[in-house]
Amino acid sequence: MEQIPWVAWIPIAGILGWVITSVIESITKSRRSAIEAELSAPQRALLAQSTESSRALVERLDRIDARLNTIEKTLTDIP
């Protein structure tokens, strides 16, 4: 320590800080991507279920609309 001037410690501390920051960033990034991968599977299942429910609802509404059109046509045709 006595042989290294105090000015040289500044870049050494900067390099060590950069290395530590890079390691922490890579660890948190990999953990974050793993968490996102876990959450995406249930979300995809929920989305598929929601889409299926929406399709069934649209189908039912189309049938109701067809019935209402039939009723409206019948009522319009009555003199």
PDB file of N, CA and C in Angstrom:
ATOM      1  N   MET A   1       0.805  -1.182   0.000  1.00  0.00           N
ATOM      2  CA  MET A   1       0.000   0.000   0.000  1.00  0.00           C
ATOM      3  C   MET A   1       0.855   1.255   0.000  1.00  0.00           C
ATOM      4  N   GLU A   2       1.942   1.222   0.651  1.00  0.00           N
ATOM      5  CA  GLU A   2       2.790   2.398   0.719  1.00  0.00           C
ATOM      6  C   GLU A   2       3.464   2.676  -0.611  1.00  0.00           C
ATOM      7  N   GLN A   3       3.566   1.675  -1.484  1.00  0.00           N
ATOM      8  CA  GLN A   3       4.251   1.880  -2.746  1.00  0.00           C
ATOM      9  C   GLN A   3       3.313   2.402  -3.831  1.00  0.00           C
ATOM     10  N   ILE A   4       2.020   2.230  -3.673  1.00  0.00           N
ATOM     11  CA  ILE A   4       1.050   2.727  -4.646  1.00  0.00           C
ATOM     12  C   ILE A   4       0.642   4.130  -4.223  1.00  0.00           C
ATOM     13  N   PRO A   5       0.798   5.118  -5.110  1.00  0.00           N
ATOM     14  CA  PRO A   5       0.404   6.487  -4.731  1.00  0.00           C
ATOM     15  C   PRO A   5      -1.116   6.595  -4.582  1.00  0.00           C
ATOM     16  N   TRP A   6      -1.535   7.572  -3.827  1.00  0.00           N
ATOM     17  CA  TRP A   6      -2.953   7.721  -3.528  1.00  0.00           C
ATOM     18  C   TRP A   6      -3.771   8.010  -4.787  1.00  0.00           C
ATOM     19  N   VAL A   7      -3.177   8.606  -5.777  1.00  0.00           N
ATOM     20  CA  VAL A   7      -3.871   8.920  -7.010  1.00  0.00           C
ATOM     21  C   VAL A   7      -4.226   7.642  -7.764  1.00  0.00           C
ATOM     22  N   ALA A   8      -3.454   6.602  -7.643  1.00  0.00           N
ATOM     23  CA  ALA A   8      -3.694   5.335  -8.334  1.00  0.00           C
ATOM     24  C   ALA A   8      -4.880   4.585  -7.732  1.00  0.00           C
ATOM     25  N   TRP A   9      -5.222   4.874  -6.494  1.00  0.00           N
ATOM     26  CA  TRP A   9      -6.340   4.187  -5.852  1.00  0.00           C
ATOM     27  C   TRP A   9      -7.686   4.612  -6.442  1.00  0.00           C
ATOM     28  N   ILE A  10      -7.753   5.785  -7.013  1.00  0.00           N
ATOM     29  CA  ILE A  10      -9.006   6.274  -7.602  1.00  0.00           C
ATOM     30  C   ILE A  10      -9.450   5.381  -8.762  1.00  0.00           C
ATOM     31  N   PRO A  11      -8.601   5.098  -9.771  1.00  0.00           N
ATOM     32  CA  PRO A  11      -9.044   4.199 -10.842  1.00  0.00           C
ATOM     33  C   PRO A  11      -9.250   2.761 -10.354  1.00  0.00           C
ATOM     34  N   ILE A  12      -8.469   2.342  -9.389  1.00  0.00           N
ATOM     35  CA  ILE A  12      -8.647   0.980  -8.854  1.00  0.00           C
ATOM     36  C   ILE A  12     -10.021   0.868  -8.201  1.00  0.00           C
ATOM     37  N   ALA A  13     -10.395   1.870  -7.413  1.00  0.00           N
ATOM     38  CA  ALA A  13     -11.721   1.857  -6.778  1.00  0.00           C
ATOM     39  C   ALA A  13     -12.820   1.926  -7.838  1.00  0.00           C
ATOM     40  N   GLY A  14     -12.594   2.711  -8.889  1.00  0.00           N
ATOM     41  CA  GLY A  14     -13.581   2.798  -9.972  1.00  0.00           C
ATOM     42  C   GLY A  14     -13.752   1.468 -10.688  1.00  0.00           C
ATOM     43  N   ILE A  15     -12.662   0.788 -10.958  1.00  0.00           N
ATOM     44  CA  ILE A  15     -12.736  -0.522 -11.627  1.00  0.00           C
ATOM     45  C   ILE A  15     -13.441  -1.531 -10.745  1.00  0.00           C
ATOM     46  N   LEU A  16     -13.093  -1.566  -9.465  1.00  0.00           N
ATOM     47  CA  LEU A  16     -13.761  -2.497  -8.546  1.00  0.00           C
ATOM     48  C   LEU A  16     -15.259  -2.193  -8.447  1.00  0.00           C
ATOM     49  N   GLY A  17     -15.592  -0.917  -8.380  1.00  0.00           N
ATOM     50  CA  GLY A  17     -17.009  -0.540  -8.326  1.00  0.00           C
ATOM     51  C   GLY A  17     -17.741  -0.963  -9.580  1.00  0.00           C
ATOM     52  N   TRP A  18     -17.125  -0.800 -10.750  1.00  0.00           N
ATOM     53  CA  TRP A  18     -17.750  -1.200 -12.010  1.00  0.00           C
ATOM     54  C   TRP A  18     -17.958  -2.710 -12.067  1.00  0.00           C
ATOM     55  N   VAL A  19     -16.945  -3.482 -11.612  1.00  0.00           N
ATOM     56  CA  VAL A  19     -17.060  -4.942 -11.623  1.00  0.00           C
ATOM     57  C   VAL A  19     -18.182  -5.391 -10.698  1.00  0.00           C
ATOM     58  N   ILE A  20     -18.237  -4.828  -9.520  1.00  0.00           N
ATOM     59  CA  ILE A  20     -19.285  -5.215  -8.557  1.00  0.00           C
ATOM     60  C   ILE A  20     -20.662  -4.846  -9.107  1.00  0.00           C
ATOM     61  N   THR A  21     -20.787  -3.665  -9.694  1.00  0.00           N
ATOM     62  CA  THR A  21     -22.061  -3.236 -10.273  1.00  0.00           C
ATOM     63  C   THR A  21     -22.484  -4.149 -11.421  1.00  0.00           C
ATOM     64  N   SER A  22     -21.537  -4.534 -12.266  1.00  0.00           N
ATOM     65  CA  SER A  22     -21.851  -5.416 -13.399  1.00  0.00           C
ATOM     66  C   SER A  22     -22.303  -6.792 -12.926  1.00  0.00           C
ATOM     67  N   VAL A  23     -21.653  -7.326 -11.913  1.00  0.00           N
ATOM     68  CA  VAL A  23     -22.028  -8.643 -11.385  1.00  0.00           C
ATOM     69  C   VAL A  23     -23.429  -8.585 -10.779  1.00  0.00           C
ATOM     70  N   ILE A  24     -23.701  -7.566 -10.001  1.00  0.00           N
ATOM     71  CA  ILE A  24     -25.028  -7.437  -9.381  1.00  0.00           C
ATOM     72  C   ILE A  24     -26.098  -7.250 -10.449  1.00  0.00           C
ATOM     73  N   GLU A  25     -25.804  -6.460 -11.459  1.00  0.00           N
ATOM     74  CA  GLU A  25     -26.768  -6.237 -12.542  1.00  0.00           C
ATOM     75  C   GLU A  25     -27.063  -7.523 -13.305  1.00  0.00           C
ATOM     76  N   SER A  26     -26.039  -8.317 -13.591  1.00  0.00           N
ATOM     77  CA  SER A  26     -26.266  -9.569 -14.326  1.00  0.00           C
ATOM     78  C   SER A  26     -27.059 -10.567 -13.491  1.00  0.00           C
ATOM     79  N   ILE A  27     -26.816 -10.598 -12.203  1.00  0.00           N
ATOM     80  CA  ILE A  27     -27.563 -11.508 -11.320  1.00  0.00           C
ATOM     81  C   ILE A  27     -29.028 -11.093 -11.265  1.00  0.00           C
ATOM     82  N   THR A  28     -29.293  -9.807 -11.067  1.00  0.00           N
ATOM     83  CA  THR A  28     -30.686  -9.367 -10.979  1.00  0.00           C
ATOM     84  C   THR A  28     -31.396  -9.505 -12.319  1.00  0.00           C
ATOM     85  N   LYS A  29     -30.676  -9.313 -13.417  1.00  0.00           N
ATOM     86  CA  LYS A  29     -31.293  -9.465 -14.735  1.00  0.00           C
ATOM     87  C   LYS A  29     -31.712 -10.905 -14.990  1.00  0.00           C
ATOM     88  N   SER A  30     -30.857 -11.856 -14.619  1.00  0.00           N
ATOM     89  CA  SER A  30     -31.221 -13.256 -14.824  1.00  0.00           C
ATOM     90  C   SER A  30     -32.370 -13.670 -13.921  1.00  0.00           C
ATOM     91  N   ARG A  31     -32.379 -13.177 -12.704  1.00  0.00           N
ATOM     92  CA  ARG A  31     -33.493 -13.487 -11.797  1.00  0.00           C
ATOM     93  C   ARG A  31     -34.791 -12.876 -12.309  1.00  0.00           C
ATOM     94  N   ARG A  32     -34.711 -11.654 -12.823  1.00  0.00           N
ATOM     95  CA  ARG A  32     -35.904 -10.984 -13.334  1.00  0.00           C
ATOM     96  C   ARG A  32     -36.472 -11.742 -14.529  1.00  0.00           C
ATOM     97  N   SER A  33     -35.603 -12.189 -15.423  1.00  0.00           N
ATOM     98  CA  SER A  33     -36.094 -12.921 -16.592  1.00  0.00           C
ATOM     99  C   SER A  33     -36.689 -14.266 -16.185  1.00  0.00           C
ATOM    100  N   ALA A  34     -36.115 -14.902 -15.162  1.00  0.00           N
ATOM    101  CA  ALA A  34     -36.682 -16.166 -14.680  1.00  0.00           C
ATOM    102  C   ALA A  34     -38.059 -15.942 -14.066  1.00  0.00           C
ATOM    103  N   ILE A  35     -38.207 -14.870 -13.325  1.00  0.00           N
ATOM    104  CA  ILE A  35     -39.506 -14.554 -12.717  1.00  0.00           C
ATOM    105  C   ILE A  35     -40.530 -14.244 -13.804  1.00  0.00           C
ATOM    106  N   GLU A  36     -40.137 -13.490 -14.829  1.00  0.00           N
ATOM    107  CA  GLU A  36     -41.052 -13.186 -15.926  1.00  0.00           C
ATOM    108  C   GLU A  36     -41.460 -14.445 -16.671  1.00  0.00           C
ATOM    109  N   ALA A  37     -40.539 -15.390 -16.813  1.00  0.00           N
ATOM    110  CA  ALA A  37     -40.866 -16.644 -17.488  1.00  0.00           C
ATOM    111  C   ALA A  37     -41.872 -17.448 -16.676  1.00  0.00           C
ATOM    112  N   GLU A  38     -41.721 -17.436 -15.360  1.00  0.00           N
ATOM    113  CA  GLU A  38     -42.668 -18.156 -14.504  1.00  0.00           C
ATOM    114  C   GLU A  38     -44.047 -17.517 -14.566  1.00  0.00           C
ATOM    115  N   LEU A  39     -44.095 -16.215 -14.564  1.00  0.00           N
ATOM    116  CA  LEU A  39     -45.380 -15.534 -14.556  1.00  0.00           C
ATOM    117  C   LEU A  39     -46.071 -15.597 -15.914  1.00  0.00           C
ATOM    118  N   SER A  40     -45.322 -15.745 -16.956  1.00  0.00           N
ATOM    119  CA  SER A  40     -45.946 -15.714 -18.266  1.00  0.00           C
ATOM    120  C   SER A  40     -46.770 -16.969 -18.547  1.00  0.00           C
ATOM    121  N   ALA A  41     -46.396 -18.127 -17.996  1.00  0.00           N
ATOM    122  CA  ALA A  41     -47.159 -19.349 -18.238  1.00  0.00           C
ATOM    123  C   ALA A  41     -48.579 -19.259 -17.661  1.00  0.00           C
ATOM    124  N   PRO A  42     -48.752 -18.890 -16.401  1.00  0.00           N
ATOM    125  CA  PRO A  42     -50.128 -18.737 -15.899  1.00  0.00           C
ATOM    126  C   PRO A  42     -50.889 -17.625 -16.598  1.00  0.00           C
ATOM    127  N   GLN A  43     -50.194 -16.569 -16.953  1.00  0.00           N
ATOM    128  CA  GLN A  43     -50.868 -15.483 -17.646  1.00  0.00           C
ATOM    129  C   GLN A  43     -51.344 -15.923 -19.021  1.00  0.00           C
ATOM    130  N   ARG A  44     -50.531 -16.744 -19.695  1.00  0.00           N
ATOM    131  CA  ARG A  44     -50.964 -17.253 -21.003  1.00  0.00           C
ATOM    132  C   ARG A  44     -52.177 -18.155 -20.857  1.00  0.00           C
ATOM    133  N   ALA A  45     -52.202 -18.973 -19.814  1.00  0.00           N
ATOM    134  CA  ALA A  45     -53.350 -19.852 -19.585  1.00  0.00           C
ATOM    135  C   ALA A  45     -54.599 -19.020 -19.300  1.00  0.00           C
ATOM    136  N   LEU A  46     -54.430 -17.977 -18.506  1.00  0.00           N
ATOM    137  CA  LEU A  46     -55.558 -17.100 -18.195  1.00  0.00           C
ATOM    138  C   LEU A  46     -56.045 -16.376 -19.444  1.00  0.00           C
ATOM    139  N   LEU A  47     -55.113 -15.956 -20.280  1.00  0.00           N
ATOM    140  CA  LEU A  47     -55.484 -15.292 -21.522  1.00  0.00           C
ATOM    141  C   LEU A  47     -56.238 -16.236 -22.448  1.00  0.00           C
ATOM    142  N   ALA A  48     -55.794 -17.488 -22.547  1.00  0.00           N
ATOM    143  CA  ALA A  48     -56.493 -18.463 -23.389  1.00  0.00           C
ATOM    144  C   ALA A  48     -57.902 -18.713 -22.868  1.00  0.00           C
ATOM    145  N   GLN A  49     -58.033 -18.816 -21.558  1.00  0.00           N
ATOM    146  CA  GLN A  49     -59.354 -19.026 -20.963  1.00  0.00           C
ATOM    147  C   GLN A  49     -60.246 -17.813 -21.214  1.00  0.00           C
ATOM    148  N   SER A  50     -59.691 -16.636 -21.081  1.00  0.00           N
ATOM    149  CA  SER A  50     -60.455 -15.423 -21.314  1.00  0.00           C
ATOM    150  C   SER A  50     -60.890 -15.316 -22.771  1.00  0.00           C
ATOM    151  N   THR A  51     -59.990 -15.675 -23.678  1.00  0.00           N
ATOM    152  CA  THR A  51     -60.324 -15.635 -25.093  1.00  0.00           C
ATOM    153  C   THR A  51     -61.433 -16.616 -25.417  1.00  0.00           C
ATOM    154  N   GLU A  52     -61.367 -17.796 -24.836  1.00  0.00           N
ATOM    155  CA  GLU A  52     -62.404 -18.803 -25.063  1.00  0.00           C
ATOM    156  C   GLU A  52     -63.746 -18.310 -24.536  1.00  0.00           C
ATOM    157  N   SER A  53     -63.730 -17.698 -23.357  1.00  0.00           N
ATOM    158  CA  SER A  53     -64.966 -17.160 -22.790  1.00  0.00           C
ATOM    159  C   SER A  53     -65.518 -16.037 -23.658  1.00  0.00           C
ATOM    160  N   SER A  54     -64.637 -15.203 -24.168  1.00  0.00           N
ATOM    161  CA  SER A  54     -65.078 -14.103 -25.026  1.00  0.00           C
ATOM    162  C   SER A  54     -65.697 -14.624 -26.316  1.00  0.00           C
ATOM    163  N   ARG A  55     -65.105 -15.648 -26.886  1.00  0.00           N
ATOM    164  CA  ARG A  55     -65.666 -16.232 -28.114  1.00  0.00           C
ATOM    165  C   ARG A  55     -67.048 -16.820 -27.859  1.00  0.00           C
ATOM    166  N   ALA A  56     -67.194 -17.520 -26.738  1.00  0.00           N
ATOM    167  CA  ALA A  56     -68.494 -18.098 -26.407  1.00  0.00           C
ATOM    168  C   ALA A  56     -69.524 -16.988 -26.190  1.00  0.00           C
ATOM    169  N   LEU A  57     -69.121 -15.915 -25.545  1.00  0.00           N
ATOM    170  CA  LEU A  57     -70.030 -14.804 -25.303  1.00  0.00           C
ATOM    171  C   LEU A  57     -70.445 -14.134 -26.614  1.00  0.00           C
ATOM    172  N   VAL A  58     -69.490 -13.931 -27.510  1.00  0.00           N
ATOM    173  CA  VAL A  58     -69.813 -13.320 -28.806  1.00  0.00           C
ATOM    174  C   VAL A  58     -70.753 -14.218 -29.598  1.00  0.00           C
ATOM    175  N   GLU A  59     -70.515 -15.503 -29.537  1.00  0.00           N
ATOM    176  CA  GLU A  59     -71.391 -16.456 -30.233  1.00  0.00           C
ATOM    177  C   GLU A  59     -72.811 -16.375 -29.695  1.00  0.00           C
ATOM    178  N   ARG A  60     -72.930 -16.316 -28.384  1.00  0.00           N
ATOM    179  CA  ARG A  60     -74.251 -16.238 -27.761  1.00  0.00           C
ATOM    180  C   ARG A  60     -74.940 -14.920 -28.115  1.00  0.00           C
ATOM    181  N   LEU A  61     -74.185 -13.838 -28.092  1.00  0.00           N
ATOM    182  CA  LEU A  61     -74.764 -12.544 -28.452  1.00  0.00           C
ATOM    183  C   LEU A  61     -75.207 -12.518 -29.912  1.00  0.00           C
ATOM    184  N   ASP A  62     -74.461 -13.182 -30.782  1.00  0.00           N
ATOM    185  CA  ASP A  62     -74.868 -13.265 -32.188  1.00  0.00           C
ATOM    186  C   ASP A  62     -76.188 -14.021 -32.333  1.00  0.00           C
ATOM    187  N   ARG A  63     -76.356 -15.091 -31.566  1.00  0.00           N
ATOM    188  CA  ARG A  63     -77.625 -15.836 -31.623  1.00  0.00           C
ATOM    189  C   ARG A  63     -78.781 -14.979 -31.118  1.00  0.00           C
ATOM    190  N   ILE A  64     -78.534 -14.228 -30.040  1.00  0.00           N
ATOM    191  CA  ILE A  64     -79.583 -13.352 -29.513  1.00  0.00           C
ATOM    192  C   ILE A  64     -79.923 -12.266 -30.531  1.00  0.00           C
ATOM    193  N   ASP A  65     -78.914 -11.732 -31.184  1.00  0.00           N
ATOM    194  CA  ASP A  65     -79.137 -10.711 -32.205  1.00  0.00           C
ATOM    195  C   ASP A  65     -79.950 -11.276 -33.369  1.00  0.00           C
ATOM    196  N   ALA A  66     -79.662 -12.508 -33.758  1.00  0.00           N
ATOM    197  CA  ALA A  66     -80.418 -13.133 -34.843  1.00  0.00           C
ATOM    198  C   ALA A  66     -81.877 -13.315 -34.443  1.00  0.00           C
ATOM    199  N   ARG A  67     -82.122 -13.738 -33.195  1.00  0.00           N
ATOM    200  CA  ARG A  67     -83.501 -13.887 -32.718  1.00  0.00           C
ATOM    201  C   ARG A  67     -84.225 -12.538 -32.708  1.00  0.00           C
ATOM    202  N   LEU A  68     -83.528 -11.504 -32.228  1.00  0.00           N
ATOM    203  CA  LEU A  68     -84.151 -10.182 -32.188  1.00  0.00           C
ATOM    204  C   LEU A  68     -84.454  -9.670 -33.587  1.00  0.00           C
ATOM    205  N   ASN A  69     -83.577  -9.954 -34.526  1.00  0.00           N
ATOM    206  CA  ASN A  69     -83.844  -9.555 -35.916  1.00  0.00           C
ATOM    207  C   ASN A  69     -85.066 -10.274 -36.463  1.00  0.00           C
ATOM    208  N   THR A  70     -85.201 -11.554 -36.116  1.00  0.00           N
ATOM    209  CA  THR A  70     -86.377 -12.313 -36.550  1.00  0.00           C
ATOM    210  C   THR A  70     -87.644 -11.725 -35.946  1.00  0.00           C
ATOM    211  N   ILE A  71     -87.607 -11.419 -34.673  1.00  0.00           N
ATOM    212  CA  ILE A  71     -88.771 -10.835 -33.991  1.00  0.00           C
ATOM    213  C   ILE A  71     -89.092  -9.467 -34.597  1.00  0.00           C
ATOM    214  N   GLU A  72     -88.083  -8.663 -34.843  1.00  0.00           N
ATOM    215  CA  GLU A  72     -88.309  -7.341 -35.424  1.00  0.00           C
ATOM    216  C   GLU A  72     -88.909  -7.452 -36.816  1.00  0.00           C
ATOM    217  N   LYS A  73     -88.427  -8.405 -37.602  1.00  0.00           N
ATOM    218  CA  LYS A  73     -88.967  -8.603 -38.966  1.00  0.00           C
ATOM    219  C   LYS A  73     -90.427  -9.040 -38.878  1.00  0.00           C
ATOM    220  N   THR A  74     -90.715  -9.927 -37.934  1.00  0.00           N
ATOM    221  CA  THR A  74     -92.090 -10.396 -37.774  1.00  0.00           C
ATOM    222  C   THR A  74     -93.009  -9.249 -37.384  1.00  0.00           C
ATOM    223  N   LEU A  75     -92.550  -8.422 -36.452  1.00  0.00           N
ATOM    224  CA  LEU A  75     -93.372  -7.298 -36.012  1.00  0.00           C
ATOM    225  C   LEU A  75     -93.527  -6.241 -37.106  1.00  0.00           C
ATOM    226  N   THR A  76     -92.529  -6.078 -37.939  1.00  0.00           N
ATOM    227  CA  THR A  76     -92.608  -5.115 -39.025  1.00  0.00           C
ATOM    228  C   THR A  76     -93.546  -5.589 -40.116  1.00  0.00           C
ATOM    229  N   ASP A  77     -93.601  -6.899 -40.352  1.00  0.00           N
ATOM    230  CA  ASP A  77     -94.448  -7.458 -41.404  1.00  0.00           C
ATOM    231  C   ASP A  77     -95.923  -7.448 -41.032  1.00  0.00           C
ATOM    232  N   ILE A  78     -96.248  -7.351 -39.755  1.00  0.00           N
ATOM    233  CA  ILE A  78     -97.665  -7.330 -39.333  1.00  0.00           C
ATOM    234  C   ILE A  78     -98.265  -5.977 -39.719  1.00  0.00           C
ATOM    235  N   PRO A  79     -99.374  -5.990 -40.488  1.00  0.00           N
ATOM    236  CA  PRO A  79    -100.006  -4.719 -40.893  1.00  0.00           C
ATOM    237  C   PRO A  79    -100.726  -4.044 -39.766  1.00  0.00           C
TER     238      PRO A  79
END
